[in-house]
N, C-alpha and C. Protein backbone atom coordinates (compact mmCIF):
# COMPACT_ATOMS: atom_id res chain seq x y z
N MET A 1 0.85 -1.28 -0.01
CA MET A 1 0.07 -0.01 0.10
C MET A 1 1.01 1.49 -0.03
N LYS A 2 0.70 2.36 -0.91
CA LYS A 2 1.33 3.41 -0.97
C LYS A 2 1.27 4.49 0.11
N LEU A 3 1.55 4.79 1.21
CA LEU A 3 0.60 6.22 1.78
C LEU A 3 0.74 7.47 1.16
N THR A 4 2.15 7.55 0.55
CA THR A 4 2.23 9.07 -0.33
C THR A 4 2.64 8.88 -1.60
N GLN A 5 1.56 9.76 -2.50
CA GLN A 5 1.89 9.92 -4.05
C GLN A 5 3.09 10.26 -4.48
N THR A 6 3.40 11.36 -3.74
CA THR A 6 4.66 12.27 -3.87
C THR A 6 5.69 12.45 -2.88
N ALA A 7 6.15 12.66 -3.27
CA ALA A 7 7.48 12.91 -2.32
C ALA A 7 7.32 14.29 -1.09
N ILE A 8 7.28 14.64 0.19
CA ILE A 8 7.20 15.62 0.66
C ILE A 8 8.49 15.67 0.97
N VAL A 9 8.24 17.13 1.10
CA VAL A 9 9.51 18.14 0.88
C VAL A 9 9.68 18.84 2.36
N VAL A 10 10.83 18.97 2.65
CA VAL A 10 10.98 20.30 4.16
C VAL A 10 12.51 20.84 3.65
N THR A 11 12.25 22.07 3.83
CA THR A 11 13.26 22.72 3.11
C THR A 11 14.10 23.74 4.66
N GLY A 12 15.16 23.29 4.93
CA GLY A 12 15.90 24.17 5.91
C GLY A 12 15.20 23.51 7.41
N VAL A 13 15.10 23.75 8.90
CA VAL A 13 14.56 23.50 10.00
C VAL A 13 13.36 22.93 9.66
N GLY A 14 12.68 22.12 10.33
CA GLY A 14 11.29 22.06 10.30
C GLY A 14 10.57 20.61 9.97
N VAL A 15 9.54 20.40 9.88
CA VAL A 15 8.54 19.16 10.26
C VAL A 15 7.64 18.85 8.87
N SER A 16 7.67 18.14 8.58
CA SER A 16 6.34 17.25 7.28
C SER A 16 5.20 17.66 8.34
N SER A 17 4.17 17.53 7.61
CA SER A 17 2.59 16.92 7.88
C SER A 17 2.73 15.80 8.06
N PRO A 18 2.09 15.55 9.23
CA PRO A 18 1.44 13.85 9.28
C PRO A 18 1.29 12.89 7.80
N ILE A 19 1.85 11.81 7.77
CA ILE A 19 1.85 10.94 6.96
C ILE A 19 0.82 9.71 8.11
N PRO A 20 -0.70 9.62 7.58
CA PRO A 20 -1.54 8.60 8.47
C PRO A 20 -0.65 7.11 8.14
N ILE A 21 -0.95 6.27 8.75
CA ILE A 21 -0.64 4.67 8.60
C ILE A 21 -2.21 4.20 8.70
N ASP A 22 -2.66 3.19 7.80
CA ASP A 22 -3.52 2.27 8.03
C ASP A 22 -3.43 1.75 9.45
N THR A 23 -4.00 1.86 10.25
CA THR A 23 -3.85 1.05 11.38
C THR A 23 -4.65 -0.36 11.68
N ARG A 24 -5.05 -0.43 10.32
CA ARG A 24 -5.81 -1.90 9.89
C ARG A 24 -5.13 -2.83 9.55
N VAL A 25 -3.75 -2.51 9.34
CA VAL A 25 -2.51 -3.31 8.79
C VAL A 25 -1.71 -3.71 10.02
N ASN A 26 -1.61 -5.22 10.18
CA ASN A 26 -1.07 -5.49 11.82
C ASN A 26 -0.04 -6.49 11.00
N PRO A 27 0.94 -6.19 11.59
CA PRO A 27 1.80 -5.47 12.01
C PRO A 27 2.25 -4.63 10.71
N PRO A 28 2.23 -3.04 11.19
CA PRO A 28 2.13 -2.18 9.91
C PRO A 28 4.23 -1.98 9.80
N TYR A 29 4.64 -2.37 8.57
CA TYR A 29 5.93 -2.28 8.52
C TYR A 29 5.88 -1.06 7.63
N ILE A 30 6.81 -0.32 7.19
CA ILE A 30 6.76 1.51 6.70
C ILE A 30 8.25 0.84 5.99
N PHE A 31 7.76 1.41 4.89
CA PHE A 31 8.97 1.76 4.19
C PHE A 31 9.20 2.98 3.15
N GLY A 32 10.13 3.35 2.43
CA GLY A 32 10.59 4.66 2.33
C GLY A 32 12.07 5.00 1.98
N SER A 33 12.29 6.04 1.48
CA SER A 33 13.78 6.67 1.35
C SER A 33 13.93 8.31 1.88
N ILE A 34 15.21 8.55 1.93
CA ILE A 34 15.27 9.79 2.10
C ILE A 34 16.50 10.71 1.03
N VAL A 35 15.80 11.62 0.39
CA VAL A 35 17.52 12.04 -0.83
C VAL A 35 17.74 13.53 0.50
N ASP A 36 18.69 13.53 0.62
CA ASP A 36 19.15 14.69 1.33
C ASP A 36 20.12 15.73 0.71
N GLY A 37 19.18 16.66 0.40
CA GLY A 37 20.21 17.90 -0.55
C GLY A 37 21.32 18.67 0.17
N GLY A 38 21.74 18.14 1.05
CA GLY A 38 22.98 18.60 1.95
C GLY A 38 22.89 18.49 3.21
N ALA A 39 24.26 19.20 4.26
CA ALA A 39 24.10 18.31 5.60
C ALA A 39 23.30 18.39 6.42
N SER A 40 22.36 18.19 6.50
CA SER A 40 20.85 18.06 6.97
C SER A 40 21.15 17.33 7.81
N THR A 41 20.25 17.52 9.00
CA THR A 41 20.13 16.11 10.13
C THR A 41 18.95 16.13 10.27
N TYR A 42 18.24 14.83 10.43
CA TYR A 42 16.83 14.74 10.17
C TYR A 42 16.23 13.64 11.24
N SER A 43 15.16 13.44 11.37
CA SER A 43 14.60 11.73 12.08
C SER A 43 13.10 11.55 11.36
N ILE A 44 13.29 10.28 11.05
CA ILE A 44 11.81 10.01 10.88
C ILE A 44 10.65 9.67 12.25
N GLN A 45 9.79 9.84 12.80
CA GLN A 45 8.74 10.36 13.60
C GLN A 45 8.00 9.54 13.35
N TYR A 46 7.12 8.91 14.71
CA TYR A 46 5.93 8.34 14.95
C TYR A 46 5.24 8.66 15.92
N THR A 47 4.32 9.09 15.62
CA THR A 47 2.92 9.36 16.73
C THR A 47 2.09 7.95 17.20
N THR A 48 1.71 8.12 18.33
CA THR A 48 0.15 6.80 18.53
C THR A 48 -0.94 7.41 18.80
N SER A 49 -0.76 8.68 18.76
CA SER A 49 -1.94 9.83 19.00
C SER A 49 -3.34 9.48 17.74
N ASP A 50 -4.39 10.29 17.72
CA ASP A 50 -5.01 10.07 16.84
C ASP A 50 -5.24 11.33 16.36
N VAL A 51 -4.69 11.18 14.75
CA VAL A 51 -4.34 12.51 14.08
C VAL A 51 -5.32 12.79 13.24
N PHE A 52 -6.67 12.02 13.36
CA PHE A 52 -8.10 12.21 12.82
C PHE A 52 -8.78 13.26 14.07
N ALA A 53 -8.27 13.08 15.56
CA ALA A 53 -9.38 13.51 16.48
C ALA A 53 -9.54 15.34 16.00
N PRO A 54 -10.93 15.43 16.41
CA PRO A 54 -11.06 16.95 15.90
C PRO A 54 -9.99 17.83 16.89
N GLY A 55 -9.58 19.04 16.63
CA GLY A 55 -8.73 19.55 17.47
C GLY A 55 -7.24 19.11 17.30
N TYR A 56 -6.97 18.09 16.81
CA TYR A 56 -5.89 17.59 16.80
C TYR A 56 -4.41 18.66 16.25
N SER A 57 -3.68 18.67 16.85
CA SER A 57 -2.40 19.72 16.34
C SER A 57 -1.11 18.87 16.34
N PRO A 58 -0.38 18.84 15.36
CA PRO A 58 0.68 18.08 15.25
C PRO A 58 1.97 18.78 16.16
N GLY A 59 1.67 20.01 16.12
CA GLY A 59 2.89 20.64 16.52
C GLY A 59 2.82 20.69 18.03
N SER A 60 1.70 20.27 18.67
CA SER A 60 1.53 20.25 19.94
C SER A 60 1.55 19.05 20.43
N ASP A 61 1.52 17.97 19.75
CA ASP A 61 1.79 16.46 20.30
C ASP A 61 2.68 16.24 20.79
N PRO A 62 2.74 15.75 21.74
CA PRO A 62 3.91 15.33 22.79
C PRO A 62 4.40 13.94 22.35
N GLN A 63 3.85 12.89 21.76
CA GLN A 63 4.03 11.45 21.65
C GLN A 63 4.84 11.16 20.05
N TRP A 64 5.39 12.61 19.65
CA TRP A 64 6.25 12.04 18.13
C TRP A 64 7.50 11.58 18.48
N THR A 65 8.12 10.40 17.91
CA THR A 65 9.09 9.95 18.37
C THR A 65 9.85 9.34 17.71
N GLY A 66 11.17 9.53 17.86
CA GLY A 66 12.23 8.86 16.50
C GLY A 66 12.36 7.71 16.60
N ILE A 67 12.09 7.13 14.94
CA ILE A 67 12.43 5.37 14.88
C ILE A 67 13.72 5.23 15.17
N THR A 68 13.55 3.82 16.08
CA THR A 68 15.17 3.29 16.59
C THR A 68 15.89 2.99 15.33
N GLY A 69 17.06 3.67 15.26
CA GLY A 69 18.02 2.76 14.02
C GLY A 69 17.79 3.80 12.61
N GLY A 70 16.85 4.54 12.66
CA GLY A 70 16.72 4.81 11.48
C GLY A 70 17.74 5.69 10.72
N PRO A 71 17.51 6.61 9.36
CA PRO A 71 19.14 7.20 9.10
C PRO A 71 18.84 8.91 9.70
N THR A 72 19.58 9.30 10.28
CA THR A 72 19.91 10.66 10.52
C THR A 72 20.14 11.52 9.62
N THR A 73 21.28 11.22 8.94
CA THR A 73 21.93 12.06 7.95
C THR A 73 22.31 11.39 6.43
N GLY A 74 21.98 11.87 5.46
CA GLY A 74 22.76 11.32 4.03
C GLY A 74 21.17 10.74 3.37
N SER A 75 21.42 10.53 2.30
CA SER A 75 20.17 9.92 1.39
C SER A 75 19.93 8.50 1.59
N LYS A 76 19.19 8.35 2.22
CA LYS A 76 19.23 6.50 2.60
C LYS A 76 18.04 5.73 2.43
N PRO A 77 17.81 4.67 2.16
CA PRO A 77 16.03 4.21 2.58
C PRO A 77 16.17 3.73 4.30
N PHE A 78 14.76 3.51 4.30
CA PHE A 78 14.58 3.24 5.83
C PHE A 78 13.11 2.29 5.65
N ASN A 79 13.23 1.37 6.79
CA ASN A 79 12.25 0.38 6.75
C ASN A 79 12.06 0.10 8.35
N PHE A 80 10.76 0.13 8.99
CA PHE A 80 10.29 -0.10 10.85
C PHE A 80 9.46 -0.48 10.20
N ASN A 81 9.04 -1.32 12.33
CA ASN A 81 7.95 -1.82 12.24
C ASN A 81 7.30 -1.07 13.23
N ALA A 82 5.92 -0.43 12.53
CA ALA A 82 5.70 0.82 13.23
C ALA A 82 4.18 0.06 13.96
N ALA A 83 4.32 -0.72 15.00
CA ALA A 83 3.36 -1.17 15.67
C ALA A 83 2.74 -0.20 16.54
N GLY A 84 1.92 0.18 17.03
CA GLY A 84 0.76 1.36 17.42
C GLY A 84 1.17 2.53 16.95
N ALA A 85 1.61 2.88 15.85
CA ALA A 85 1.94 3.88 15.19
C ALA A 85 0.35 4.65 14.72
N THR A 86 0.16 5.84 14.32
CA THR A 86 -1.24 6.50 13.96
C THR A 86 -0.19 7.07 12.55
N ALA A 87 0.48 7.30 12.18
CA ALA A 87 1.02 8.34 11.47
C ALA A 87 2.66 8.83 11.63
N ILE A 88 3.26 9.07 10.33
CA ILE A 88 5.05 9.32 10.93
C ILE A 88 4.91 10.83 9.79
N ARG A 89 6.23 11.58 10.51
CA ARG A 89 6.34 12.23 9.70
C ARG A 89 8.11 12.52 9.80
N LEU A 90 8.65 13.57 8.75
CA LEU A 90 10.07 13.75 8.63
C LEU A 90 10.03 14.93 9.89
N ASN A 91 11.69 15.09 10.71
CA ASN A 91 11.60 16.41 11.36
C ASN A 91 13.23 16.44 11.25
N VAL A 92 13.40 17.60 10.51
CA VAL A 92 14.98 18.18 10.16
C VAL A 92 14.85 19.35 11.05
N THR A 93 16.18 18.91 11.70
CA THR A 93 16.76 19.78 13.14
C THR A 93 17.92 20.53 12.45
N VAL A 94 18.87 20.03 11.47
CA VAL A 94 19.74 21.25 11.53
C VAL A 94 19.45 21.02 9.89
N GLY A 95 20.23 22.08 9.30
CA GLY A 95 20.77 22.25 7.56
C GLY A 95 19.63 23.16 7.10
N PRO A 96 20.20 24.04 6.12
CA PRO A 96 19.72 24.52 5.51
C PRO A 96 18.96 23.94 4.24
N ALA A 97 19.46 22.72 3.76
CA ALA A 97 19.03 22.15 2.51
C ALA A 97 17.36 21.52 2.11
N THR A 98 16.92 21.13 1.30
CA THR A 98 16.11 20.43 0.89
C THR A 98 16.39 18.82 1.41
N VAL A 99 15.36 18.38 2.33
CA VAL A 99 15.44 17.08 2.52
C VAL A 99 13.61 16.20 2.08
N THR A 100 14.17 15.30 1.42
CA THR A 100 12.56 14.93 1.02
C THR A 100 12.57 13.32 1.47
N LEU A 101 11.53 13.49 1.17
CA LEU A 101 10.95 11.49 2.02
C LEU A 101 10.14 11.00 1.19
N GLY A 102 10.26 10.12 0.75
CA GLY A 102 8.81 9.70 -0.22
C GLY A 102 9.43 8.96 -1.42
N PRO A 103 8.16 8.26 -2.32
CA PRO A 103 6.81 8.20 -1.25
C PRO A 103 7.22 6.90 -0.71
N VAL A 104 6.56 6.59 0.27
CA VAL A 104 6.15 6.04 1.43
C VAL A 104 5.00 4.54 1.22
N PHE A 105 5.64 3.44 2.16
CA PHE A 105 4.82 2.53 1.82
C PHE A 105 4.43 1.48 2.56
N GLN A 106 3.36 1.26 2.90
CA GLN A 106 3.63 -0.32 3.96
C GLN A 106 2.51 -1.11 3.92
N SER A 107 3.50 -1.81 4.72
CA SER A 107 2.98 -3.66 4.44
C SER A 107 2.95 -4.10 5.72
N ASP A 108 2.18 -5.59 5.31
CA ASP A 108 1.95 -6.14 6.84
C ASP A 108 3.11 -7.15 7.00
N ASN A 109 4.15 -7.22 6.28
CA ASN A 109 5.21 -8.51 6.32
C ASN A 109 6.71 -7.29 6.03
N SER A 110 8.05 -7.56 6.66
CA SER A 110 8.90 -6.74 7.00
C SER A 110 9.66 -7.02 5.10
N MET A 111 8.78 -8.18 4.33
CA MET A 111 9.65 -7.83 3.05
C MET A 111 9.10 -7.32 2.31
N GLY A 112 7.98 -6.59 2.58
CA GLY A 112 7.38 -5.34 1.71
C GLY A 112 6.30 -5.73 1.13
N SER A 113 5.95 -7.23 0.89
CA SER A 113 5.12 -7.64 -0.21
C SER A 113 3.56 -7.66 0.21
């Protein structure tokens, strides 16, 4: 299942919009790639909050957590088991360059099929 049709881009320091995960897929494995346009530092984060709840604000959600073992610099693929996650996002903490995430895919097994 493809979660994003196009790439998600963050230029400079900032965060992307949340990308909802289909919580009916269990366990949800997430796959994608990062293209770092410069010397940026970033993390792929997930939340367990209800991103569809009325009044939900991703900026004030304290539940965003970086994935363990994910890339933090450079252009790299990533994959992780997002058990309990409802959405992911790209958080760029250092760098004036453009960091691109995506497209992002979801599968019910670690092989991506």
